[in-house]
Amino acid sequence: MANRQVTGRTRELSTIRRSRVQRTGGRRMFRRPNGGGGGGFAGLLLLLVLAAIVGALYVGGRNLLAGNTAGATTASAATTASTVSSQRAATSSRSSIAAGQSIPFIVKPGATWTDVADQLQQQGLISSALVFRLQVRLTGSNGSLEAGTYTLKQGMTTDQIISVLENATPPVAVAVRFTEGWRMEQEAAQLEKQSVVTATDFLSVTKSQSATFGENFLADRPAGASLEGYLFPDTYEFLQKDNASDVVTKILDNFGQHVTPAMRDQAKAQGHTLYQVLIVASIVEREAAVPSERSLIAGVYWNRLKQGQCMCADPTVQYALGQPSNWWPQLTAQARTLAPDSPFNTYNHLGFPPGPICNPGLASIQAALSPTGDYLYFVAKGDGTHVFSHTLQEQTQNQQRIQQSSTAQ
């Protein structure tokens, strides 16, 4: 049908031309303007317009590659409405970042250049993820990426960003050991010492009231409580210059693997929350030096709580007095007289202290879940072991015997 229409139109034009020649004798019906052929002027004008459009597109493309927001928006408008929307979001993000400001950029394990491009646009570091991906292909930088935290700056060109991500030194893996009975401040110092994260960043996550983690064993943790008690002591492998939240998540995952659902059900069956078990376990961890005594010491504290007595635990007072220079100071006077107003002074305050005083190991947690004995008192013999007693009178006698034996030596 289209071909027939074209043929008919051509015949019609030929008839018109023949008629015009017969009427005019072959003379032109219109004069060209002075100064040359009108067709040449129109052609020149058309070329100039086309050159201006090409130039604008070229400059716009270069601006996109350099991260220029205005150029990116113009180019986006020439593609699709959805791209325009994403460009505006990136513009808003970029406007909130000062030029030259350092911005941490995290590449997660297994991330692709496509993932990186989307993340760069979301953080306002580039204007177009599409253009970034094209530039990666053009430069041949389509290889694997090293996971880690990189430092980028607002205003960097696409080539500069690619160079940083492609040529950065792979992060170093280090083994970090957390000892049973350490406070979270001690763990933070160890992480900083081995250049994993700063102590400040680690503690800001572990003490944050807004930080959320998906582990269900945190469900009975009181509102506003830190993660003390849950930072499971073990040997971990971290990357230097890692992300504090990722570090904490890894530690919590390890806790969940060791403190099993069956153990949590055991605590519930005994009428205790897991948080209460961790409090007792943390005290046991600081008191027990001989593994065989862990469950006996745990039994003493549970028995005192059941009878409405004070826990009267020296380690809780040490926790209250701890300072960066000495997290576990020796008690130089009667414990009840030291930091008397602190809720961690379990001589002056009945019931549980506000929270765990350290991060207990698995053996102490198991002891807190399986206490033994009906003792209420114990006294250290000086060699790491203790003498246990049922009554205060027996306790006093044991203390006197130990003191006399020590004096005789």
Protein backbone atom coordinates (compact mmCIF):
# COMPACT_ATOMS: atom_id res chain seq x y z
CA MET A 1 0.00 0.00 0.00
CA ALA A 2 2.85 2.41 0.89
CA ASN A 3 4.62 1.78 -2.47
CA ARG A 4 1.42 2.52 -4.44
CA GLN A 5 0.99 5.82 -2.56
CA VAL A 6 4.58 6.86 -3.35
CA THR A 7 4.17 5.98 -7.08
CA GLY A 8 0.93 7.93 -7.30
CA ARG A 9 2.47 10.93 -5.61
CA THR A 10 5.40 10.88 -8.03
CA ARG A 11 3.08 10.87 -11.09
CA GLU A 12 1.10 13.77 -9.64
CA LEU A 13 4.24 15.87 -9.20
CA SER A 14 5.34 15.17 -12.79
CA THR A 15 1.95 16.36 -14.12
CA ILE A 16 2.24 19.58 -12.06
CA ARG A 17 5.71 20.28 -13.40
CA ARG A 18 4.63 19.81 -17.08
CA SER A 19 1.65 22.14 -16.57
CA ARG A 20 3.87 24.84 -15.01
CA VAL A 21 6.35 24.69 -17.91
CA GLN A 22 3.54 25.07 -20.45
CA ARG A 23 2.20 28.16 -18.61
CA THR A 24 5.53 29.92 -18.03
CA GLY A 25 7.53 28.83 -20.99
CA GLY A 26 10.08 27.30 -18.65
CA ARG A 27 10.77 30.52 -16.62
CA ARG A 28 11.27 30.32 -12.81
CA MET A 29 8.19 31.27 -10.83
CA PHE A 30 10.20 32.64 -7.87
CA ARG A 31 13.44 34.61 -7.66
CA ARG A 32 16.27 33.62 -5.32
CA PRO A 33 17.29 36.33 -2.83
CA ASN A 34 20.23 38.50 -3.78
CA GLY A 35 23.62 37.32 -2.69
CA GLY A 36 23.53 33.68 -3.68
CA GLY A 37 21.37 30.61 -3.71
CA GLY A 38 18.82 30.28 -0.94
CA GLY A 39 19.47 26.53 -0.74
CA GLY A 40 23.13 27.14 0.15
CA PHE A 41 22.26 29.56 2.98
CA ALA A 42 19.66 27.18 4.43
CA GLY A 43 22.14 24.31 4.24
CA LEU A 44 24.77 26.35 6.07
CA LEU A 45 22.27 27.29 8.76
CA LEU A 46 21.30 23.65 9.15
CA LEU A 47 24.96 22.63 9.51
CA LEU A 48 25.51 25.25 12.21
CA VAL A 49 22.49 24.02 14.17
CA LEU A 50 23.64 20.41 13.90
CA ALA A 51 27.16 21.38 15.00
CA ALA A 52 25.75 23.16 18.06
CA ILE A 53 23.68 20.09 19.00
CA VAL A 54 26.62 17.74 18.57
CA GLY A 55 28.83 20.06 20.61
CA ALA A 56 26.27 20.22 23.39
CA LEU A 57 25.95 16.46 23.47
CA TYR A 58 29.74 16.06 23.52
CA VAL A 59 30.19 18.53 26.37
CA GLY A 60 27.28 16.98 28.23
CA GLY A 61 28.83 13.55 27.90
CA ARG A 62 32.19 14.76 29.22
CA ASN A 63 30.48 16.47 32.12
CA LEU A 64 28.69 13.25 32.97
CA LEU A 65 31.95 11.31 33.03
CA ALA A 66 33.51 14.00 35.21
CA GLY A 67 30.58 13.86 37.62
CA ASN A 68 29.03 17.21 36.56
CA THR A 69 25.45 17.16 37.85
CA ALA A 70 24.01 19.66 35.33
CA GLY A 71 25.49 17.77 32.39
CA ALA A 72 24.24 14.49 33.82
CA THR A 73 20.71 15.81 34.13
CA THR A 74 20.71 17.05 30.51
CA ALA A 75 21.92 13.71 29.19
CA SER A 76 19.47 11.84 31.38
CA ALA A 77 16.57 13.86 30.00
CA ALA A 78 17.54 12.62 26.54
CA THR A 79 17.15 8.98 27.63
CA THR A 80 14.28 8.05 29.97
CA ALA A 81 12.16 9.60 32.70
CA SER A 82 13.29 6.97 35.21
CA THR A 83 16.94 7.93 34.71
CA VAL A 84 16.01 11.57 35.29
CA SER A 85 14.55 10.62 38.65
CA SER A 86 17.71 8.78 39.73
CA GLN A 87 19.86 11.70 38.58
CA ARG A 88 17.86 14.11 40.72
CA ALA A 89 18.31 11.83 43.73
CA ALA A 90 22.07 11.78 43.14
CA THR A 91 22.11 15.57 42.77
CA SER A 92 20.36 15.95 46.13
CA SER A 93 22.88 13.63 47.77
CA ARG A 94 25.86 15.39 46.19
CA SER A 95 24.62 18.80 47.28
CA SER A 96 24.83 17.73 50.92
CA ILE A 97 28.52 16.80 50.63
CA ALA A 98 31.20 19.47 50.69
CA ALA A 99 33.64 19.49 47.77
CA GLY A 100 36.82 17.63 48.59
CA GLN A 101 35.29 15.96 51.66
CA SER A 102 36.61 12.45 52.36
CA ILE A 103 33.90 9.80 52.23
CA PRO A 104 34.34 6.18 53.33
CA PHE A 105 33.19 3.79 50.62
CA ILE A 106 32.65 0.11 51.47
CA VAL A 107 33.04 -2.62 48.88
CA LYS A 108 31.44 -5.77 50.22
CA PRO A 109 32.77 -9.26 49.43
CA GLY A 110 31.53 -10.44 46.04
CA ALA A 111 30.46 -6.95 44.90
CA THR A 112 30.50 -6.31 41.13
CA TRP A 113 31.23 -3.09 39.26
CA THR A 114 27.48 -2.78 38.70
CA ASP A 115 26.92 -2.93 42.46
CA VAL A 116 29.65 -0.36 42.97
CA ALA A 117 28.19 1.96 40.32
CA ASP A 118 24.75 1.91 41.97
CA GLN A 119 26.28 2.48 45.40
CA LEU A 120 28.44 5.37 44.17
CA GLN A 121 25.35 7.06 42.74
CA GLN A 122 23.38 6.49 45.95
CA GLN A 123 26.16 8.10 47.98
CA GLY A 124 26.26 11.08 45.63
CA LEU A 125 29.81 10.41 44.43
CA ILE A 126 28.79 10.16 40.77
CA SER A 127 25.84 11.43 38.79
CA SER A 128 25.12 8.42 36.64
CA ALA A 129 25.64 4.73 37.39
CA LEU A 130 25.04 4.00 33.69
CA VAL A 131 27.82 6.31 32.51
CA PHE A 132 30.14 4.94 35.20
CA ARG A 133 29.58 1.38 33.99
CA LEU A 134 30.26 2.46 30.40
CA GLN A 135 33.49 4.14 31.48
CA VAL A 136 34.57 0.99 33.30
CA ARG A 137 34.09 -0.97 30.09
CA LEU A 138 35.87 1.63 27.96
CA THR A 139 38.92 1.65 30.23
CA GLY A 140 39.03 -2.12 30.44
CA SER A 141 38.63 -2.02 34.24
CA ASN A 142 36.07 -4.75 34.43
CA GLY A 143 38.00 -7.14 36.67
CA SER A 144 37.36 -8.26 40.23
CA LEU A 145 37.15 -5.89 43.18
CA GLU A 146 38.81 -6.22 46.57
CA ALA A 147 36.42 -6.04 49.50
CA GLY A 148 37.22 -3.35 52.05
CA THR A 149 36.74 0.29 52.98
CA TYR A 150 38.10 2.88 50.56
CA THR A 151 38.45 6.63 50.98
CA LEU A 152 36.96 8.66 48.14
CA LYS A 153 36.48 12.41 47.85
CA GLN A 154 33.61 14.48 46.58
CA GLY A 155 34.48 15.95 43.18
CA MET A 156 36.67 13.06 42.00
CA THR A 157 36.33 12.21 38.31
CA THR A 158 35.14 8.81 37.17
CA ASP A 159 38.68 7.87 36.14
CA GLN A 160 40.01 8.82 39.58
CA ILE A 161 37.38 6.75 41.37
CA ILE A 162 38.08 3.74 39.16
CA SER A 163 41.80 4.11 39.80
CA VAL A 164 41.32 4.14 43.58
CA LEU A 165 39.08 1.08 43.55
CA GLU A 166 41.24 -0.82 41.08
CA ASN A 167 44.71 -0.05 42.43
CA ALA A 168 44.10 -0.02 46.18
CA THR A 169 46.21 -2.39 48.24
CA PRO A 170 44.13 -5.41 49.28
CA PRO A 171 43.18 -5.17 52.96
CA VAL A 172 45.28 -7.28 55.32
CA ALA A 173 43.61 -10.07 57.31
CA VAL A 174 44.62 -10.24 60.96
CA ALA A 175 43.83 -12.65 63.80
CA VAL A 176 42.44 -10.95 66.89
CA ARG A 177 42.13 -12.78 70.20
CA PHE A 178 39.56 -11.72 72.80
CA THR A 179 40.32 -13.21 76.20
CA GLU A 180 37.57 -14.55 78.45
CA GLY A 181 36.62 -11.99 81.08
CA TRP A 182 37.58 -8.89 79.09
CA ARG A 183 35.42 -5.81 79.20
CA MET A 184 34.30 -4.48 75.83
CA GLU A 185 36.73 -1.56 76.27
CA GLN A 186 39.58 -4.08 76.32
CA GLU A 187 38.28 -5.71 73.16
CA ALA A 188 38.02 -2.27 71.55
CA ALA A 189 41.65 -1.50 72.43
CA GLN A 190 42.78 -4.81 70.92
CA LEU A 191 40.93 -4.10 67.67
CA GLU A 192 42.51 -0.67 67.43
CA LYS A 193 45.95 -2.08 68.24
CA GLN A 194 45.69 -4.38 65.23
CA SER A 195 44.30 -1.64 62.96
CA VAL A 196 40.91 -3.29 62.45
CA VAL A 197 38.73 -0.40 63.68
CA THR A 198 39.25 2.43 66.11
CA ALA A 199 38.23 1.84 69.71
CA THR A 200 35.90 4.83 69.45
CA ASP A 201 34.04 3.41 66.43
CA PHE A 202 33.73 -0.04 68.02
CA LEU A 203 32.38 1.32 71.29
CA SER A 204 29.99 3.68 69.52
CA VAL A 205 28.35 0.60 67.96
CA THR A 206 28.41 -1.61 71.07
CA LYS A 207 27.02 1.17 73.25
CA SER A 208 24.58 2.60 70.73
CA GLN A 209 20.92 2.54 71.70
CA SER A 210 19.86 2.97 68.08
CA ALA A 211 22.00 0.22 66.55
CA THR A 212 19.85 -2.76 65.59
CA PHE A 213 20.96 -6.34 65.02
CA GLY A 214 18.83 -9.20 63.80
CA GLU A 215 19.92 -11.80 66.36
CA ASN A 216 16.92 -13.08 68.31
CA PHE A 217 19.01 -13.78 71.43
CA LEU A 218 19.14 -10.01 71.99
CA ALA A 219 15.37 -9.89 72.49
CA ASP A 220 15.54 -9.81 76.31
CA ARG A 221 18.35 -7.27 76.46
CA PRO A 222 17.02 -4.24 78.38
CA ALA A 223 16.41 -1.06 76.43
CA GLY A 224 19.51 1.10 76.39
CA ALA A 225 21.84 -1.72 77.50
CA SER A 226 25.19 -2.13 75.78
CA LEU A 227 26.41 -5.35 74.17
CA GLU A 228 28.60 -6.18 77.16
CA GLY A 229 28.28 -9.92 77.76
CA TYR A 230 27.45 -10.75 74.13
CA LEU A 231 30.88 -9.99 72.62
CA PHE A 232 31.94 -13.59 72.68
CA PRO A 233 35.63 -14.22 73.52
CA ASP A 234 37.37 -16.12 70.75
CA THR A 235 40.01 -15.74 68.04
CA TYR A 236 38.60 -13.88 65.05
CA GLU A 237 39.90 -13.05 61.61
CA PHE A 238 39.16 -9.48 60.60
CA LEU A 239 40.33 -7.21 57.80
CA GLN A 240 42.34 -4.17 58.72
CA LYS A 241 40.38 -0.95 58.29
CA ASP A 242 37.15 -2.91 58.52
CA ASN A 243 33.71 -1.53 59.28
CA ALA A 244 32.77 -1.42 63.00
CA SER A 245 29.21 -2.64 62.42
CA ASP A 246 30.46 -5.59 60.37
CA VAL A 247 32.97 -6.46 63.09
CA VAL A 248 30.29 -6.43 65.78
CA THR A 249 27.93 -8.46 63.60
CA LYS A 250 30.60 -11.12 63.13
CA ILE A 251 31.16 -11.35 66.90
CA LEU A 252 27.43 -11.61 67.59
CA ASP A 253 27.05 -14.32 64.95
CA ASN A 254 29.76 -16.28 66.75
CA PHE A 255 27.94 -15.85 70.05
CA GLY A 256 24.78 -17.24 68.45
CA GLN A 257 26.64 -20.28 67.19
CA HIS A 258 28.03 -21.12 70.65
CA VAL A 259 25.09 -20.13 72.86
CA THR A 260 22.59 -22.40 71.17
CA PRO A 261 18.79 -22.17 71.12
CA ALA A 262 18.74 -25.20 73.43
CA MET A 263 20.80 -23.28 76.00
CA ARG A 264 18.45 -20.32 75.73
CA ASP A 265 15.48 -22.64 76.26
CA GLN A 266 17.25 -24.03 79.31
CA ALA A 267 17.51 -20.56 80.82
CA LYS A 268 13.83 -19.92 80.12
CA ALA A 269 12.85 -23.23 81.74
CA GLN A 270 14.70 -22.15 84.88
CA GLY A 271 12.77 -18.89 85.00
CA HIS A 272 15.71 -16.76 83.92
CA THR A 273 16.35 -14.56 80.93
CA LEU A 274 19.48 -15.08 78.89
CA TYR A 275 20.59 -11.61 80.00
CA GLN A 276 20.41 -12.66 83.66
CA VAL A 277 22.41 -15.81 82.88
CA LEU A 278 25.08 -13.66 81.22
CA ILE A 279 25.27 -11.44 84.31
CA VAL A 280 25.95 -14.42 86.57
CA ALA A 281 28.33 -15.94 84.01
CA SER A 282 30.32 -12.71 83.80
CA ILE A 283 30.82 -12.68 87.57
CA VAL A 284 31.81 -16.36 87.53
CA GLU A 285 34.33 -15.58 84.79
CA ARG A 286 36.05 -13.00 86.97
CA GLU A 287 35.95 -15.14 90.12
CA ALA A 288 36.83 -18.66 88.97
CA ALA A 289 40.41 -19.69 88.31
CA VAL A 290 39.87 -23.45 88.46
CA PRO A 291 37.42 -24.90 85.91
CA SER A 292 35.95 -27.38 88.39
CA GLU A 293 34.77 -24.54 90.63
CA ARG A 294 32.81 -22.59 88.03
CA SER A 295 29.47 -24.30 88.66
CA LEU A 296 29.95 -24.09 92.46
CA ILE A 297 30.59 -20.34 92.28
CA ALA A 298 27.58 -19.92 89.98
CA GLY A 299 25.52 -21.86 92.52
CA VAL A 300 26.56 -19.47 95.32
CA TYR A 301 25.29 -16.42 93.43
CA TRP A 302 22.02 -18.03 92.33
CA ASN A 303 21.43 -19.24 95.92
CA ARG A 304 21.98 -15.75 97.32
CA LEU A 305 19.53 -14.27 94.80
CA LYS A 306 16.91 -16.89 95.65
CA GLN A 307 17.19 -16.08 99.36
CA GLY A 308 16.98 -12.33 98.77
CA GLN A 309 20.54 -11.72 99.86
CA CYS A 310 22.99 -9.42 98.15
CA MET A 311 25.17 -10.96 95.50
CA CYS A 312 28.10 -9.32 97.31
CA ALA A 313 30.51 -9.90 94.41
CA ASP A 314 33.87 -8.15 94.47
CA PRO A 315 34.25 -8.19 90.64
CA THR A 316 31.17 -5.99 90.23
CA VAL A 317 32.81 -3.35 92.42
CA GLN A 318 36.00 -3.66 90.38
CA TYR A 319 33.91 -3.04 87.28
CA ALA A 320 32.50 0.13 88.83
CA LEU A 321 36.01 1.38 89.67
CA GLY A 322 37.66 0.42 86.37
CA GLN A 323 39.54 3.07 84.40
CA PRO A 324 41.40 2.97 81.06
CA SER A 325 44.70 2.72 82.90
CA ASN A 326 43.44 -0.17 85.04
CA TRP A 327 40.17 -1.85 84.13
CA TRP A 328 40.33 -4.34 87.03
CA PRO A 329 41.82 -2.59 90.06
CA GLN A 330 42.62 -4.49 93.25
CA LEU A 331 40.21 -3.63 96.08
CA THR A 332 42.17 -1.88 98.83
CA ALA A 333 39.31 -1.64 101.35
CA GLN A 334 36.02 -3.35 102.12
CA ALA A 335 34.12 -3.60 98.86
CA ARG A 336 30.91 -2.12 100.25
CA THR A 337 32.76 1.12 101.02
CA LEU A 338 34.10 1.54 97.46
CA ALA A 339 31.89 3.26 94.87
CA PRO A 340 29.00 2.81 97.32
CA ASP A 341 26.45 4.62 95.14
CA SER A 342 27.16 2.67 91.98
CA PRO A 343 24.43 0.17 91.05
CA PHE A 344 27.32 -2.20 90.29
CA ASN A 345 28.22 -2.28 93.99
CA THR A 346 26.34 -5.49 94.72
CA TYR A 347 27.07 -5.20 98.44
CA ASN A 348 24.89 -2.10 98.74
CA HIS A 349 22.31 -2.93 96.06
CA LEU A 350 20.21 -6.08 96.13
CA GLY A 351 19.48 -8.17 93.07
CA PHE A 352 21.33 -8.20 89.79
CA PRO A 353 23.70 -5.40 88.77
CA PRO A 354 22.52 -3.42 85.71
CA GLY A 355 24.27 -5.78 83.29
CA PRO A 356 27.16 -8.16 82.69
CA ILE A 357 30.55 -6.91 83.87
CA CYS A 358 32.57 -8.63 81.14
CA ASN A 359 32.25 -11.01 78.23
CA PRO A 360 32.21 -14.55 79.63
CA GLY A 361 33.45 -17.62 77.83
CA LEU A 362 31.34 -20.66 77.03
CA ALA A 363 32.43 -22.58 80.15
CA SER A 364 31.20 -19.83 82.47
CA ILE A 365 27.91 -19.50 80.57
CA GLN A 366 27.37 -23.25 80.87
CA ALA A 367 28.19 -23.07 84.60
CA ALA A 368 25.61 -20.29 85.06
CA LEU A 369 23.06 -22.54 83.35
CA SER A 370 24.02 -25.59 85.41
CA PRO A 371 24.90 -24.40 88.95
CA THR A 372 25.77 -26.92 91.65
CA GLY A 373 25.88 -26.97 95.46
CA ASP A 374 23.83 -25.31 98.16
CA TYR A 375 26.59 -23.03 99.38
CA LEU A 376 26.18 -19.34 100.16
CA TYR A 377 29.79 -18.33 100.77
CA PHE A 378 33.30 -18.96 99.54
CA VAL A 379 36.73 -17.56 100.32
CA ALA A 380 39.90 -17.63 98.23
CA LYS A 381 42.77 -19.76 99.50
CA GLY A 382 45.38 -17.80 97.59
CA ASP A 383 46.28 -20.53 95.10
CA GLY A 384 43.35 -20.02 92.76
CA THR A 385 41.02 -22.36 94.62
CA HIS A 386 38.31 -21.56 97.18
CA VAL A 387 36.76 -22.97 100.34
CA PHE A 388 32.96 -23.08 100.27
CA SER A 389 30.59 -22.88 103.23
CA HIS A 390 26.88 -22.90 104.02
CA THR A 391 26.70 -20.40 106.87
CA LEU A 392 28.31 -17.10 107.77
CA GLN A 393 29.85 -18.74 110.81
CA GLU A 394 31.58 -21.35 108.64
CA GLN A 395 32.73 -18.58 106.31
CA THR A 396 34.28 -16.63 109.18
CA GLN A 397 36.09 -19.71 110.45
CA ASN A 398 37.44 -20.49 107.00
CA GLN A 399 38.68 -16.93 106.59
CA GLN A 400 40.51 -17.11 109.92
CA ARG A 401 42.18 -20.42 109.08
CA ILE A 402 43.34 -19.17 105.68
CA GLN A 403 44.66 -15.95 107.24
CA GLN A 404 46.57 -17.85 109.95
CA SER A 405 48.02 -20.22 107.36
CA SER A 406 49.16 -17.29 105.23
CA THR A 407 50.75 -15.55 108.24
CA ALA A 408 52.60 -18.73 109.26
CA GLN A 409 54.19 -18.97 105.84
